[in-house]
Amino acid sequence: MSINSIDHDEMTSIANKWDFTEEVKSLNPDSVVKTAQARRRIEMLREIRESGLTFEEARELGILH
């Protein structure tokens, strides 16, 4: 699909109909926060492993709590 084939009027009408508050209400804030925290922790552990540090070294450096 090329950018020239997009119907901009249709996209604008869809965007104007979208209500962000409906989506925010449907999300469970606690589970979203916990999921984000878990994702950040997993990513941090991957970066530590890829850097070659051991978990003990990461704790000593204050990277891992």
PDB file of N, CA and C in Angstrom:
ATOM      1  N   MET A   1       0.845  -1.169   0.000  1.00  0.00           N
ATOM      2  CA  MET A   1       0.000   0.000   0.000  1.00  0.00           C
ATOM      3  C   MET A   1       0.893   1.235   0.000  1.00  0.00           C
ATOM      4  N   SER A   2       0.680   2.092  -0.921  1.00  0.00           N
ATOM      5  CA  SER A   2       1.480   3.311  -0.956  1.00  0.00           C
ATOM      6  C   SER A   2       0.766   4.408  -0.185  1.00  0.00           C
ATOM      7  N   ILE A   3       1.519   5.396   0.175  1.00  0.00           N
ATOM      8  CA  ILE A   3       0.951   6.508   0.936  1.00  0.00           C
ATOM      9  C   ILE A   3      -0.025   7.305   0.087  1.00  0.00           C
ATOM     10  N   ASN A   4       0.119   7.235  -1.222  1.00  0.00           N
ATOM     11  CA  ASN A   4      -0.777   7.960  -2.119  1.00  0.00           C
ATOM     12  C   ASN A   4      -2.149   7.304  -2.216  1.00  0.00           C
ATOM     13  N   SER A   5      -2.252   6.031  -1.851  1.00  0.00           N
ATOM     14  CA  SER A   5      -3.523   5.337  -1.957  1.00  0.00           C
ATOM     15  C   SER A   5      -4.393   5.489  -0.706  1.00  0.00           C
ATOM     16  N   ILE A   6      -3.892   6.174   0.302  1.00  0.00           N
ATOM     17  CA  ILE A   6      -4.658   6.380   1.531  1.00  0.00           C
ATOM     18  C   ILE A   6      -5.691   7.476   1.305  1.00  0.00           C
ATOM     19  N   ASP A   7      -6.909   7.199   1.705  1.00  0.00           N
ATOM     20  CA  ASP A   7      -7.983   8.187   1.608  1.00  0.00           C
ATOM     21  C   ASP A   7      -7.941   9.037   2.881  1.00  0.00           C
ATOM     22  N   HIS A   8      -7.396  10.234   2.756  1.00  0.00           N
ATOM     23  CA  HIS A   8      -7.183  11.083   3.921  1.00  0.00           C
ATOM     24  C   HIS A   8      -8.493  11.560   4.541  1.00  0.00           C
ATOM     25  N   ASP A   9      -9.517  11.753   3.744  1.00  0.00           N
ATOM     26  CA  ASP A   9     -10.810  12.151   4.300  1.00  0.00           C
ATOM     27  C   ASP A   9     -11.387  11.043   5.175  1.00  0.00           C
ATOM     28  N   GLU A  10     -11.238   9.807   4.717  1.00  0.00           N
ATOM     29  CA  GLU A  10     -11.735   8.676   5.495  1.00  0.00           C
ATOM     30  C   GLU A  10     -10.954   8.543   6.805  1.00  0.00           C
ATOM     31  N   MET A  11      -9.644   8.718   6.740  1.00  0.00           N
ATOM     32  CA  MET A  11      -8.816   8.638   7.938  1.00  0.00           C
ATOM     33  C   MET A  11      -9.192   9.731   8.941  1.00  0.00           C
ATOM     34  N   THR A  12      -9.462  10.915   8.454  1.00  0.00           N
ATOM     35  CA  THR A  12      -9.847  12.025   9.331  1.00  0.00           C
ATOM     36  C   THR A  12     -11.184  11.749   9.995  1.00  0.00           C
ATOM     37  N   SER A  13     -12.123  11.213   9.248  1.00  0.00           N
ATOM     38  CA  SER A  13     -13.433  10.934   9.841  1.00  0.00           C
ATOM     39  C   SER A  13     -13.337   9.835  10.887  1.00  0.00           C
ATOM     40  N   ILE A  14     -12.490   8.850  10.659  1.00  0.00           N
ATOM     41  CA  ILE A  14     -12.301   7.784  11.645  1.00  0.00           C
ATOM     42  C   ILE A  14     -11.642   8.355  12.901  1.00  0.00           C
ATOM     43  N   ALA A  15     -10.657   9.201  12.711  1.00  0.00           N
ATOM     44  CA  ALA A  15      -9.948   9.790  13.848  1.00  0.00           C
ATOM     45  C   ALA A  15     -10.875  10.669  14.671  1.00  0.00           C
ATOM     46  N   ASN A  16     -11.786  11.354  14.026  1.00  0.00           N
ATOM     47  CA  ASN A  16     -12.708  12.225  14.752  1.00  0.00           C
ATOM     48  C   ASN A  16     -13.743  11.431  15.545  1.00  0.00           C
ATOM     49  N   LYS A  17     -14.049  10.214  15.113  1.00  0.00           N
ATOM     50  CA  LYS A  17     -15.029   9.378  15.808  1.00  0.00           C
ATOM     51  C   LYS A  17     -14.419   8.648  17.001  1.00  0.00           C
ATOM     52  N   TRP A  18     -13.111   8.518  17.029  1.00  0.00           N
ATOM     53  CA  TRP A  18     -12.435   7.750  18.066  1.00  0.00           C
ATOM     54  C   TRP A  18     -12.495   8.494  19.381  1.00  0.00           C
ATOM     55  N   ASP A  19     -12.901   7.814  20.437  1.00  0.00           N
ATOM     56  CA  ASP A  19     -12.991   8.410  21.764  1.00  0.00           C
ATOM     57  C   ASP A  19     -11.966   7.738  22.661  1.00  0.00           C
ATOM     58  N   PHE A  20     -10.944   8.477  23.010  1.00  0.00           N
ATOM     59  CA  PHE A  20      -9.849   7.937  23.804  1.00  0.00           C
ATOM     60  C   PHE A  20     -10.319   7.505  25.192  1.00  0.00           C
ATOM     61  N   THR A  21     -11.294   8.194  25.760  1.00  0.00           N
ATOM     62  CA  THR A  21     -11.753   7.857  27.107  1.00  0.00           C
ATOM     63  C   THR A  21     -12.351   6.458  27.170  1.00  0.00           C
ATOM     64  N   GLU A  22     -12.939   5.989  26.089  1.00  0.00           N
ATOM     65  CA  GLU A  22     -13.479   4.628  26.073  1.00  0.00           C
ATOM     66  C   GLU A  22     -12.369   3.601  26.237  1.00  0.00           C
ATOM     67  N   GLU A  23     -11.246   3.835  25.586  1.00  0.00           N
ATOM     68  CA  GLU A  23     -10.144   2.887  25.701  1.00  0.00           C
ATOM     69  C   GLU A  23      -9.497   2.942  27.067  1.00  0.00           C
ATOM     70  N   VAL A  24      -9.368   4.126  27.623  1.00  0.00           N
ATOM     71  CA  VAL A  24      -8.751   4.259  28.930  1.00  0.00           C
ATOM     72  C   VAL A  24      -9.592   3.557  29.991  1.00  0.00           C
ATOM     73  N   LYS A  25     -10.899   3.660  29.904  1.00  0.00           N
ATOM     74  CA  LYS A  25     -11.780   3.008  30.864  1.00  0.00           C
ATOM     75  C   LYS A  25     -11.695   1.494  30.767  1.00  0.00           C
ATOM     76  N   SER A  26     -11.433   0.985  29.586  1.00  0.00           N
ATOM     77  CA  SER A  26     -11.424  -0.466  29.403  1.00  0.00           C
ATOM     78  C   SER A  26     -10.161  -1.117  29.950  1.00  0.00           C
ATOM     79  N   LEU A  27      -9.095  -0.352  30.147  1.00  0.00           N
ATOM     80  CA  LEU A  27      -7.853  -0.908  30.654  1.00  0.00           C
ATOM     81  C   LEU A  27      -7.883  -0.968  32.174  1.00  0.00           C
ATOM     82  N   ASN A  28      -7.362  -2.046  32.727  1.00  0.00           N
ATOM     83  CA  ASN A  28      -7.238  -2.178  34.171  1.00  0.00           C
ATOM     84  C   ASN A  28      -5.899  -1.558  34.563  1.00  0.00           C
ATOM     85  N   PRO A  29      -5.897  -0.419  35.247  1.00  0.00           N
ATOM     86  CA  PRO A  29      -4.649   0.294  35.532  1.00  0.00           C
ATOM     87  C   PRO A  29      -3.632  -0.539  36.300  1.00  0.00           C
ATOM     88  N   ASP A  30      -4.071  -1.333  37.270  1.00  0.00           N
ATOM     89  CA  ASP A  30      -3.124  -2.121  38.054  1.00  0.00           C
ATOM     90  C   ASP A  30      -2.401  -3.148  37.193  1.00  0.00           C
ATOM     91  N   SER A  31      -3.136  -3.839  36.340  1.00  0.00           N
ATOM     92  CA  SER A  31      -2.497  -4.857  35.508  1.00  0.00           C
ATOM     93  C   SER A  31      -1.601  -4.220  34.460  1.00  0.00           C
ATOM     94  N   VAL A  32      -1.963  -3.053  33.976  1.00  0.00           N
ATOM     95  CA  VAL A  32      -1.128  -2.357  32.987  1.00  0.00           C
ATOM     96  C   VAL A  32       0.195  -1.947  33.619  1.00  0.00           C
ATOM     97  N   VAL A  33       0.132  -1.425  34.841  1.00  0.00           N
ATOM     98  CA  VAL A  33       1.344  -0.998  35.540  1.00  0.00           C
ATOM     99  C   VAL A  33       2.233  -2.200  35.837  1.00  0.00           C
ATOM    100  N   LYS A  34       1.630  -3.279  36.317  1.00  0.00           N
ATOM    101  CA  LYS A  34       2.418  -4.474  36.637  1.00  0.00           C
ATOM    102  C   LYS A  34       3.052  -5.069  35.385  1.00  0.00           C
ATOM    103  N   THR A  35       2.318  -5.073  34.298  1.00  0.00           N
ATOM    104  CA  THR A  35       2.857  -5.590  33.043  1.00  0.00           C
ATOM    105  C   THR A  35       4.024  -4.743  32.572  1.00  0.00           C
ATOM    106  N   ALA A  36       3.894  -3.435  32.664  1.00  0.00           N
ATOM    107  CA  ALA A  36       4.973  -2.535  32.243  1.00  0.00           C
ATOM    108  C   ALA A  36       6.205  -2.711  33.120  1.00  0.00           C
ATOM    109  N   GLN A  37       5.998  -2.858  34.427  1.00  0.00           N
ATOM    110  CA  GLN A  37       7.124  -3.065  35.337  1.00  0.00           C
ATOM    111  C   GLN A  37       7.841  -4.374  35.038  1.00  0.00           C
ATOM    112  N   ALA A  38       7.079  -5.422  34.790  1.00  0.00           N
ATOM    113  CA  ALA A  38       7.673  -6.722  34.473  1.00  0.00           C
ATOM    114  C   ALA A  38       8.447  -6.654  33.164  1.00  0.00           C
ATOM    115  N   ARG A  39       7.888  -5.959  32.187  1.00  0.00           N
ATOM    116  CA  ARG A  39       8.558  -5.821  30.894  1.00  0.00           C
ATOM    117  C   ARG A  39       9.885  -5.071  31.047  1.00  0.00           C
ATOM    118  N   ARG A  40       9.885  -4.002  31.859  1.00  0.00           N
ATOM    119  CA  ARG A  40      11.126  -3.239  32.076  1.00  0.00           C
ATOM    120  C   ARG A  40      12.158  -4.090  32.802  1.00  0.00           C
ATOM    121  N   ARG A  41      11.721  -4.867  33.774  1.00  0.00           N
ATOM    122  CA  ARG A  41      12.660  -5.712  34.516  1.00  0.00           C
ATOM    123  C   ARG A  41      13.262  -6.786  33.614  1.00  0.00           C
ATOM    124  N   ILE A  42      12.457  -7.403  32.795  1.00  0.00           N
ATOM    125  CA  ILE A  42      12.962  -8.418  31.859  1.00  0.00           C
ATOM    126  C   ILE A  42      13.965  -7.800  30.906  1.00  0.00           C
ATOM    127  N   GLU A  43      13.655  -6.625  30.397  1.00  0.00           N
ATOM    128  CA  GLU A  43      14.568  -5.942  29.472  1.00  0.00           C
ATOM    129  C   GLU A  43      15.883  -5.589  30.176  1.00  0.00           C
ATOM    130  N   MET A  44      15.795  -5.148  31.434  1.00  0.00           N
ATOM    131  CA  MET A  44      16.993  -4.816  32.200  1.00  0.00           C
ATOM    132  C   MET A  44      17.856  -6.062  32.411  1.00  0.00           C
ATOM    133  N   LEU A  45      17.232  -7.191  32.725  1.00  0.00           N
ATOM    134  CA  LEU A  45      17.979  -8.425  32.926  1.00  0.00           C
ATOM    135  C   LEU A  45      18.643  -8.891  31.632  1.00  0.00           C
ATOM    136  N   ARG A  46      17.955  -8.712  30.509  1.00  0.00           N
ATOM    137  CA  ARG A  46      18.559  -9.061  29.211  1.00  0.00           C
ATOM    138  C   ARG A  46      19.781  -8.198  28.925  1.00  0.00           C
ATOM    139  N   GLU A  47      19.665  -6.905  29.209  1.00  0.00           N
ATOM    140  CA  GLU A  47      20.791  -5.996  28.960  1.00  0.00           C
ATOM    141  C   GLU A  47      21.979  -6.333  29.848  1.00  0.00           C
ATOM    142  N   ILE A  48      21.708  -6.703  31.108  1.00  0.00           N
ATOM    143  CA  ILE A  48      22.795  -7.098  32.011  1.00  0.00           C
ATOM    144  C   ILE A  48      23.480  -8.351  31.479  1.00  0.00           C
ATOM    145  N   ARG A  49      22.687  -9.325  31.052  1.00  0.00           N
ATOM    146  CA  ARG A  49      23.255 -10.573  30.531  1.00  0.00           C
ATOM    147  C   ARG A  49      24.079 -10.310  29.272  1.00  0.00           C
ATOM    148  N   GLU A  50      23.558  -9.449  28.361  1.00  0.00           N
ATOM    149  CA  GLU A  50      24.260  -9.155  27.121  1.00  0.00           C
ATOM    150  C   GLU A  50      25.551  -8.369  27.366  1.00  0.00           C
ATOM    151  N   SER A  51      25.592  -7.599  28.461  1.00  0.00           N
ATOM    152  CA  SER A  51      26.785  -6.802  28.750  1.00  0.00           C
ATOM    153  C   SER A  51      27.926  -7.658  29.288  1.00  0.00           C
ATOM    154  N   GLY A  52      27.617  -8.871  29.726  1.00  0.00           N
ATOM    155  CA  GLY A  52      28.646  -9.757  30.248  1.00  0.00           C
ATOM    156  C   GLY A  52      28.810  -9.674  31.749  1.00  0.00           C
ATOM    157  N   LEU A  53      28.055  -8.805  32.399  1.00  0.00           N
ATOM    158  CA  LEU A  53      28.122  -8.703  33.855  1.00  0.00           C
ATOM    159  C   LEU A  53      27.388  -9.878  34.497  1.00  0.00           C
ATOM    160  N   THR A  54      27.879 -10.255  35.670  1.00  0.00           N
ATOM    161  CA  THR A  54      27.122 -11.232  36.453  1.00  0.00           C
ATOM    162  C   THR A  54      26.096 -10.459  37.264  1.00  0.00           C
ATOM    163  N   PHE A  55      25.119 -11.172  37.813  1.00  0.00           N
ATOM    164  CA  PHE A  55      24.104 -10.512  38.619  1.00  0.00           C
ATOM    165  C   PHE A  55      24.716  -9.914  39.891  1.00  0.00           C
ATOM    166  N   GLU A  56      25.736 -10.577  40.441  1.00  0.00           N
ATOM    167  CA  GLU A  56      26.411 -10.043  41.626  1.00  0.00           C
ATOM    168  C   GLU A  56      27.098  -8.727  41.285  1.00  0.00           C
ATOM    169  N   GLU A  57      27.775  -8.680  40.135  1.00  0.00           N
ATOM    170  CA  GLU A  57      28.440  -7.440  39.719  1.00  0.00           C
ATOM    171  C   GLU A  57      27.424  -6.322  39.477  1.00  0.00           C
ATOM    172  N   ALA A  58      26.296  -6.674  38.891  1.00  0.00           N
ATOM    173  CA  ALA A  58      25.254  -5.683  38.645  1.00  0.00           C
ATOM    174  C   ALA A  58      24.698  -5.146  39.968  1.00  0.00           C
ATOM    175  N   ARG A  59      24.555  -6.012  40.960  1.00  0.00           N
ATOM    176  CA  ARG A  59      24.090  -5.555  42.273  1.00  0.00           C
ATOM    177  C   ARG A  59      25.110  -4.612  42.910  1.00  0.00           C
ATOM    178  N   GLU A  60      26.403  -4.975  42.814  1.00  0.00           N
ATOM    179  CA  GLU A  60      27.448  -4.142  43.388  1.00  0.00           C
ATOM    180  C   GLU A  60      27.494  -2.770  42.734  1.00  0.00           C
ATOM    181  N   LEU A  61      27.212  -2.708  41.438  1.00  0.00           N
ATOM    182  CA  LEU A  61      27.206  -1.440  40.714  1.00  0.00           C
ATOM    183  C   LEU A  61      25.915  -0.663  40.918  1.00  0.00           C
ATOM    184  N   GLY A  62      24.940  -1.269  41.556  1.00  0.00           N
ATOM    185  CA  GLY A  62      23.681  -0.601  41.807  1.00  0.00           C
ATOM    186  C   GLY A  62      22.716  -0.646  40.628  1.00  0.00           C
ATOM    187  N   ILE A  63      23.026  -1.470  39.636  1.00  0.00           N
ATOM    188  CA  ILE A  63      22.164  -1.598  38.467  1.00  0.00           C
ATOM    189  C   ILE A  63      20.958  -2.458  38.796  1.00  0.00           C
ATOM    190  N   LEU A  64      21.185  -3.488  39.578  1.00  0.00           N
ATOM    191  CA  LEU A  64      20.130  -4.452  39.933  1.00  0.00           C
ATOM    192  C   LEU A  64      19.841  -4.322  41.420  1.00  0.00           C
ATOM    193  N   HIS A  65      18.603  -4.236  41.777  1.00  0.00           N
ATOM    194  CA  HIS A  65      18.217  -4.056  43.181  1.00  0.00           C
ATOM    195  C   HIS A  65      17.654  -5.329  43.732  1.00  0.00           C
TER     196      HIS A  65
END
